[in-house]
Each structure stands twice: as C-alpha cells, then as structure tokens.
Protein backbone atom coordinates (compact mmCIF):
# COMPACT_ATOMS: atom_id res chain seq x y z
CA MET A 1 97.48 81.98 82.85
CA PRO A 2 95.03 83.86 80.63
CA ARG A 3 91.98 85.35 82.30
CA PRO A 4 88.71 83.64 81.32
CA LEU A 5 86.71 86.90 81.52
CA VAL A 6 87.96 90.34 80.49
CA LEU A 7 86.08 93.62 80.20
CA SER A 8 87.14 96.99 78.83
CA ASN A 9 86.10 100.21 77.15
CA GLY A 10 89.60 101.08 75.95
CA ASN A 11 90.45 102.98 79.15
CA LEU A 12 89.32 100.87 82.10
CA TYR A 13 90.33 97.22 81.87
CA VAL A 14 89.11 94.53 84.30
CA ALA A 15 90.15 90.86 84.29
CA TYR A 16 88.66 87.98 86.31
CA ASP A 17 90.25 84.67 87.25
CA ALA A 18 88.52 81.27 87.08
CA THR A 19 86.76 81.90 90.42
CA PHE A 20 85.26 85.18 89.12
CA THR A 21 87.57 87.16 91.41
CA ILE A 22 88.89 90.40 89.89
CA ARG A 23 92.68 90.10 89.71
CA ASP A 24 93.73 92.82 87.28
CA LEU A 25 92.44 96.37 86.90
CA THR A 26 94.29 98.83 84.69
CA TRP A 27 93.38 102.49 84.16
CA PRO A 28 93.55 104.98 82.45
CA TYR A 29 95.23 102.81 79.79
CA VAL A 30 94.57 99.21 78.87
CA GLY A 31 97.67 97.58 80.29
CA GLN A 32 98.98 100.19 82.69
CA PRO A 33 99.15 100.82 85.52
CA ASN A 34 97.72 97.70 87.13
CA HIS A 35 96.04 98.86 90.34
CA LEU A 36 95.50 95.31 91.61
CA SER A 37 98.66 93.65 90.25
CA GLY A 38 97.24 90.19 90.83
CA ASN A 39 95.75 90.92 94.26
CA ARG A 40 92.09 90.20 94.81
CA ALA A 41 88.82 92.08 94.66
CA ARG A 42 86.72 89.38 96.31
CA LEU A 43 83.03 88.51 96.29
CA GLY A 44 81.58 86.79 99.36
CA LEU A 45 78.18 85.63 100.52
CA TRP A 46 76.71 85.25 104.03
CA LEU A 47 73.45 83.32 104.36
CA ASP A 48 71.79 82.56 107.70
CA GLY A 49 75.10 82.48 109.56
CA HIS A 50 77.11 80.60 106.88
CA PHE A 51 79.82 82.39 104.88
CA SER A 52 81.67 81.56 101.68
CA TRP A 53 83.93 83.42 99.29
CA LEU A 54 83.18 82.77 95.64
CA SER A 55 86.76 81.51 95.37
CA ASP A 56 86.20 78.83 98.04
CA GLU A 57 85.63 75.17 97.29
CA GLY A 58 82.04 74.05 96.90
CA TRP A 59 81.09 76.38 94.05
CA GLN A 60 80.29 75.09 90.58
CA ARG A 61 81.20 77.91 88.22
CA GLU A 62 80.44 78.52 84.55
CA PRO A 63 82.21 81.51 82.95
CA ALA A 64 80.31 83.06 80.07
CA TYR A 65 79.43 86.28 78.29
CA GLU A 66 76.07 87.51 77.14
CA PRO A 67 75.92 86.78 73.38
CA ASP A 68 77.79 89.28 71.20
CA THR A 69 78.75 91.57 74.11
CA LEU A 70 81.45 92.36 76.64
CA ILE A 71 79.02 91.76 79.51
CA THR A 72 79.47 88.65 81.60
CA ALA A 73 76.83 85.99 82.19
CA ALA A 74 78.88 84.00 84.69
CA SER A 75 77.01 81.63 86.99
CA ALA A 76 78.05 79.97 90.24
CA GLU A 77 76.05 77.49 92.33
CA HIS A 78 76.73 76.18 95.83
CA ALA A 79 74.81 73.01 96.71
CA GLY A 80 75.64 73.27 100.41
CA LEU A 81 74.36 76.83 100.70
CA GLN A 82 71.48 76.11 98.32
CA VAL A 83 72.13 79.29 96.37
CA ARG A 84 72.95 80.32 92.81
CA LEU A 85 74.59 83.53 91.61
CA LEU A 86 74.50 85.12 88.17
CA LEU A 87 77.08 87.86 87.53
CA ARG A 88 76.30 90.42 84.85
CA ASP A 89 79.34 92.73 84.85
CA GLY A 90 80.28 95.24 82.20
CA VAL A 91 82.50 98.28 81.75
CA HIS A 92 80.40 101.16 80.44
CA HIS A 93 81.25 101.84 76.81
CA ARG A 94 81.60 105.64 77.27
CA HIS A 95 82.31 106.22 80.96
CA ASP A 96 85.02 104.64 83.13
CA ILE A 97 82.58 102.73 85.32
CA LEU A 98 82.49 99.03 86.13
CA LEU A 99 78.83 98.04 86.45
CA ARG A 100 78.13 94.87 88.44
CA GLN A 101 74.73 93.19 88.74
CA ILE A 102 74.70 90.10 90.96
CA GLU A 103 71.48 88.09 90.93
CA VAL A 104 71.14 85.88 94.01
CA THR A 105 68.71 82.96 93.66
CA ASN A 106 67.45 80.97 96.62
CA CYS A 107 67.41 77.24 95.83
CA SER A 108 65.59 76.58 99.11
CA SER A 109 61.87 76.67 99.88
CA ALA A 110 62.53 78.73 103.01
CA GLY A 111 62.97 82.49 103.16
CA ARG A 112 66.47 83.58 104.19
CA GLU A 113 68.51 86.58 105.28
CA GLY A 114 71.59 87.32 103.21
CA ARG A 115 74.53 89.69 102.93
CA LEU A 116 76.80 90.18 99.92
CA PHE A 117 80.40 91.29 100.53
CA LEU A 118 82.73 93.12 98.14
CA THR A 119 86.39 93.63 99.06
CA HIS A 120 89.10 95.61 97.27
CA ASP A 121 92.84 95.10 97.76
CA PHE A 122 94.21 97.96 95.67
CA HIS A 123 97.89 98.58 95.02
CA ILE A 124 97.30 101.93 93.39
CA ALA A 125 99.88 102.77 90.72
CA GLU A 126 101.29 99.26 91.31
CA THR A 127 102.41 99.87 94.89
CA ASP A 128 100.66 99.62 98.25
CA ILE A 129 102.70 102.49 99.72
CA GLY A 130 100.79 105.66 100.56
CA ASP A 131 97.26 104.51 99.67
CA THR A 132 94.18 105.88 101.47
CA ALA A 133 90.75 104.29 101.83
CA PHE A 134 87.76 105.94 103.51
CA TYR A 135 83.99 105.74 103.75
CA ASN A 136 82.17 108.83 102.47
CA PRO A 137 78.76 109.05 104.20
CA PHE A 138 77.53 111.78 101.86
CA LEU A 139 77.99 109.49 98.85
CA ASP A 140 77.42 106.22 100.74
CA ALA A 141 80.54 104.88 99.06
CA ILE A 142 84.07 103.73 99.81
CA ILE A 143 86.86 105.63 98.08
CA HIS A 144 90.44 104.50 97.48
CA TYR A 145 92.93 107.09 96.24
CA LYS A 146 96.54 108.07 95.77
CA ARG A 147 97.78 111.15 93.90
CA ASP A 148 95.45 111.52 90.89
CA TYR A 149 93.97 108.01 90.97
CA TYR A 150 90.54 107.76 92.61
CA PHE A 151 88.30 104.67 92.77
CA LEU A 152 84.79 105.01 94.18
CA ILE A 153 82.91 101.82 95.09
CA ALA A 154 79.21 101.64 95.96
CA ALA A 155 76.51 98.97 96.17
CA ARG A 156 72.75 98.88 96.53
CA SER A 157 70.11 96.24 97.24
CA GLU A 158 66.34 96.41 97.59
CA ALA A 159 66.94 96.92 101.32
CA GLY A 160 69.11 100.01 100.76
CA GLY A 161 72.73 101.01 100.29
CA ILE A 162 75.87 99.91 102.09
CA TYR A 163 74.95 97.98 105.23
CA GLN A 164 78.41 97.79 106.82
CA TYR A 165 81.94 98.73 105.80
CA ALA A 166 85.54 98.50 106.97
CA THR A 167 88.88 99.94 105.95
CA GLY A 168 92.13 98.70 107.42
CA ILE A 169 95.77 97.73 107.18
CA LYS A 170 96.68 94.73 105.02
CA GLN A 171 99.82 92.67 104.31
CA PHE A 172 101.73 94.58 107.00
CA GLY A 173 102.38 94.05 110.70
CA GLY A 174 100.66 90.68 110.64
CA ALA A 175 97.36 92.06 109.31
CA GLU A 176 95.80 90.06 106.46
CA GLY A 177 93.18 92.65 105.57
CA THR A 178 89.55 93.58 106.12
CA TRP A 179 88.43 90.65 103.97
CA ARG A 180 89.13 88.44 106.99
CA ASP A 181 86.83 90.69 109.03
CA ALA A 182 83.98 89.79 106.67
CA GLU A 183 84.00 86.06 107.35
CA ASP A 184 81.81 86.31 110.47
CA GLY A 185 79.20 88.26 108.50
CA SER A 186 79.96 91.61 110.17
CA LEU A 187 82.39 94.47 109.52
CA SER A 188 84.19 96.77 111.94
CA MET A 189 82.83 100.08 110.55
CA ASN A 190 86.33 101.61 110.66
CA PRO A 191 85.91 104.65 108.37
CA VAL A 192 89.47 105.47 107.25
CA ALA A 193 92.90 103.87 106.87
CA GLN A 194 96.18 104.98 105.29
CA GLY A 195 99.26 103.19 104.02
CA SER A 196 98.96 99.58 102.87
CA VAL A 197 95.17 99.34 103.05
CA ASP A 198 92.16 97.47 101.75
CA SER A 199 88.41 97.77 102.24
CA ALA A 200 85.25 95.71 102.49
CA LEU A 201 81.57 96.56 102.25
CA SER A 202 78.34 94.62 102.56
CA VAL A 203 74.74 94.97 101.48
CA ARG A 204 71.92 92.98 103.03
CA PHE A 205 68.84 91.45 101.47
CA GLN A 206 65.95 89.10 102.13
CA LEU A 207 65.70 86.04 99.89
CA PRO A 208 62.14 84.84 99.36
CA PRO A 209 61.52 81.07 99.02
CA ASN A 210 62.84 79.96 95.61
CA GLY A 211 63.14 83.64 94.71
CA THR A 212 65.78 85.92 93.19
CA VAL A 213 67.00 89.33 94.32
CA PRO A 214 69.35 91.67 92.39
CA ILE A 215 72.35 93.42 93.94
CA ARG A 216 73.85 96.33 92.02
CA ALA A 217 77.39 97.58 92.57
CA TRP A 218 79.70 99.87 90.67
CA MET A 219 83.23 101.23 90.62
CA CYS A 220 83.99 104.68 89.19
CA ALA A 221 87.53 105.65 88.17
CA GLY A 222 88.56 109.31 88.07
CA HIS A 223 91.55 111.61 88.34
CA SER A 224 89.95 113.51 91.23
CA LEU A 225 87.30 112.97 93.85
CA GLU A 226 85.03 115.33 91.96
CA GLU A 227 85.43 113.35 88.74
CA ALA A 228 84.64 110.07 90.51
CA ARG A 229 81.68 111.72 92.24
CA ARG A 230 80.27 112.94 88.91
CA LEU A 231 80.34 109.41 87.53
CA HIS A 232 78.68 108.17 90.71
CA ALA A 233 75.91 110.76 90.29
CA LEU A 234 75.52 109.78 86.64
CA ILE A 235 74.40 106.31 87.69
CA THR A 236 71.65 107.85 89.80
CA ASP A 237 70.62 110.25 87.04
CA GLU A 238 70.60 107.79 84.13
CA GLY A 239 69.78 104.65 86.10
CA PHE A 240 71.96 101.59 86.61
CA GLU A 241 69.81 99.32 84.44
CA ASN A 242 69.72 101.87 81.62
CA MET A 243 73.50 102.20 81.61
CA LEU A 244 74.01 98.44 81.57
CA ARG A 245 71.41 98.08 78.80
CA ASP A 246 73.03 100.82 76.70
CA THR A 247 76.41 99.10 77.06
CA ARG A 248 74.86 95.81 75.98
CA HIS A 249 73.32 97.42 72.90
CA TYR A 250 76.58 99.16 72.03
CA TRP A 251 78.59 95.92 71.95
CA VAL A 252 75.92 94.05 69.99
CA SER A 253 75.96 96.83 67.38
CA TRP A 254 79.76 97.11 67.36
CA SER A 255 80.34 93.38 66.93
CA ASP A 256 77.74 93.15 64.14
CA ARG A 257 79.80 95.21 61.73
CA GLY A 258 81.27 93.03 59.00
CA MET A 259 79.35 89.93 60.06
CA ASP A 260 77.81 89.68 56.58
CA ARG A 261 81.24 88.53 55.34
CA VAL A 262 81.18 85.40 57.52
CA ALA A 263 77.42 84.80 57.72
CA THR A 264 77.57 81.92 55.21
CA LEU A 265 80.18 79.98 57.21
CA PRO A 266 78.91 76.92 59.07
CA ALA A 267 78.07 77.24 62.75
CA PRO A 268 79.67 77.92 65.16
CA LEU A 269 82.29 79.81 63.11
CA PRO A 270 80.36 83.12 62.82
CA ALA A 271 79.82 83.23 66.59
CA ILE A 272 83.49 82.39 67.26
CA PHE A 273 84.58 85.09 64.83
CA ARG A 274 82.37 87.63 66.59
CA ARG A 275 83.64 86.65 70.03
CA SER A 276 87.21 86.90 68.74
CA LEU A 277 86.62 90.47 67.62
CA LEU A 278 85.26 91.37 71.04
CA THR A 279 88.22 89.74 72.77
CA ILE A 280 90.69 91.66 70.61
CA ARG A 281 88.79 94.88 71.29
CA ALA A 282 88.82 94.26 75.05
CA ASN A 283 92.61 93.91 74.98
CA SER A 284 93.21 97.06 72.92
CA ASP A 285 93.67 100.56 74.28
CA ALA A 286 91.44 103.34 72.98
CA ARG A 287 94.55 105.15 71.72
CA GLY A 288 95.68 102.23 69.55
CA ALA A 289 98.03 100.23 71.77
CA ILE A 290 97.60 96.45 71.90
CA LEU A 291 97.99 94.59 75.17
CA ALA A 292 100.54 91.80 74.89
CA ALA A 293 99.54 89.95 78.09
CA ASN A 294 96.38 90.51 80.08
CA ASP A 295 97.30 88.98 83.44
CA SER A 296 99.76 89.48 86.28
CA ASP A 297 100.39 85.78 86.98
CA ILE A 298 103.79 86.06 85.30
CA MET A 299 104.91 88.08 88.33
CA GLU A 300 104.57 84.89 90.41
CA THR A 301 107.00 83.01 88.16
CA ALA A 302 109.40 85.06 86.04
CA ARG A 303 108.89 88.36 87.94
CA ARG A 304 108.71 90.28 84.70
CA THR A 305 106.10 91.91 82.55
CA ILE A 306 105.48 92.05 78.82
CA PRO A 307 105.33 95.59 77.42
CA THR A 308 102.27 96.99 75.72
CA CYS A 309 102.60 97.17 71.96
CA GLY A 310 101.78 100.59 70.50
CA PRO A 311 100.65 101.51 66.96
CA ALA A 312 104.18 102.33 65.78
CA THR A 313 105.48 98.97 66.99
CA VAL A 314 102.59 97.17 65.30
CA ARG A 315 103.32 98.86 61.97
CA TRP A 316 107.04 98.03 62.30
CA SER A 317 106.24 94.39 63.14
CA GLN A 318 103.85 94.08 60.19
CA GLN A 319 106.42 95.56 57.81
CA ARG A 320 109.10 93.18 59.08
CA SER A 321 106.78 90.21 58.55
CA ILE A 322 106.06 91.31 54.97
CA GLU A 323 109.78 91.73 54.23
CA GLN A 324 110.62 88.30 55.66
CA ALA A 325 107.80 86.63 53.72
CA THR A 326 108.97 88.36 50.52
CA ARG A 327 112.55 87.13 51.01
CA ARG A 328 111.33 83.54 51.49
C-alpha cells in the first residue's frame, strides 16, 4: 500500500504508515538501500502508569502536512488516555537529518507525569546481520551502525535529554526486541548489543493541566561516526527550531515556483497541484532517479521489489511514448 506520509531531501527518505509509524528509511539514495525494510520505528506514550503505542487501537489519527511543505502536521488523539499528539516531522532540506517535534497535549484538568518512547528496528543495508547499537554517554544519543552506515538518534524534553535507553537482541532466539521492554514504562539501560539488534529510548516530561509540552527528537545519517556527530552538533549550534523553520520556508519557496500558471484555476486545484509537486519531489533522488514504489509492503506479498528509474531510463521511456503516439 502507498504510504500516507513521505519525507525526503533527495538523499534521506522516510515513509510513515497509517499509524504514523516509520516503516521505510532509505539513505543515501531515495529508494536504496532500505534500512528498515518494512520493520518499525515505533512511537509510544506512557502516562501515569498507562502505556500505548501510537499503532494500538484507541487512537483517532489524522494524517496531514503543513500547507505547501514536506513537514507533517499529523494529529492523534486517545480518548481513554485523555491526550492528543501533534507530529511535526521533516527531513532537513540541506542536511541528512530527520527532525521530529512531538507536541503532547493534556486533555485532562489534572497534571500528569509522562514518558515518550522511540524505538528503532534497523536492518542496516537491508539485513539484520552484523548490526551494532550502543548508547554514547558523551553525545547522549543511541547509535546504530554497520560498515559505513551510521544512524544517530537523540531526543530532548524540557526535563532534559534521554531518560532511559535499551539496546538488545530482536527477532532471534525468541527475543521480540527492546520495544517490548518499553511497555511497562521502564527500560533496561543495556548500553550495547551486536547482531540482530534494536533499540529504545525514552524522555520524560510533566504535563500541566490542559497544557502542552514539546518533545524534540532527531536522527542523523552519516558515513562515519564523526559525520553523524557533526550533524548532531549542528542541531545544538543552529537550534532545532531554527532548522525546522528553515526547512519549512525552503519548501514553501520551492513549491511556489510556477504557481502563477495555475493561480486562476478554481479551488482546490492550485493546492492539489502544489501538493502533487511536493509529492513528486519527495519520491525523486537528488541525482535524478525517480522512485517507482515508495513502500516495502510488496515484500509481504510478491517478495519482489520495483527498481528505481534513473534519468536515462526516463528519457528512453519518454522517447518510446512519443514514437508510439506518432505511429498511432
């Protein structure tokens, strides 16, 4: 099935399913390799002793983008937990960083203690063999790596950085993964794991009565630990909010080009046209290749993939279409 939300800067590509769970992450090309391959990077919430994954039943979800951008404005509300989430995620337009701002709103008149959980089930280079995950206390971040693929994940709340973390074995020897460890609201604090591994981290916060608190998280992709660390430091130097704002402004400006040609069309056609341009851009590699299929669900049925279509193939296909139309 197509993914309802996709983000990209032409190098780092991130796709979400209908529950706002990240299911596909490709880098350094749009389309390959897929470092999740349909596995899940989950989002979970613990409030006053009650836990729920965003993919669980009970959530009312509304996928959306901020107008004229490739930044999400996806909302999810849970009546039982009396909480509402707003996800503002975007891939930075110049740097290979996924920026994630999660706004947690208390729909109760009582103050509450909360913890937000992020888990990552990487299959780096499309295999779970030989992966490593570890917590780096100097960076206050979890790092997954294999060969020259490094993914650094960090999160911050008003109460501080990572509260708890865990790395561990998954999908092997009867182990489901550290995401199961999160469901009691606490993590094991195991700092390193190798092989078929995943990770989980949490940040804690205090929700005021009928109030909202922001959680900020990010994932940096690099070909070395030093490259990932530099991107991590860039967020501190430039500021998370500034980087998300700059990305927002970039996409508004980019998608505005040529809009004068469709401005006279009746609503909502201009807005649909603009969103279509952004969707095409999100599924195109910075080097010119066009992604033929943006999800890994086909692996659950036909067990095959659709190849990425490069510039030469596009030109050949266009020429063939012209020749066929001319003959008709």
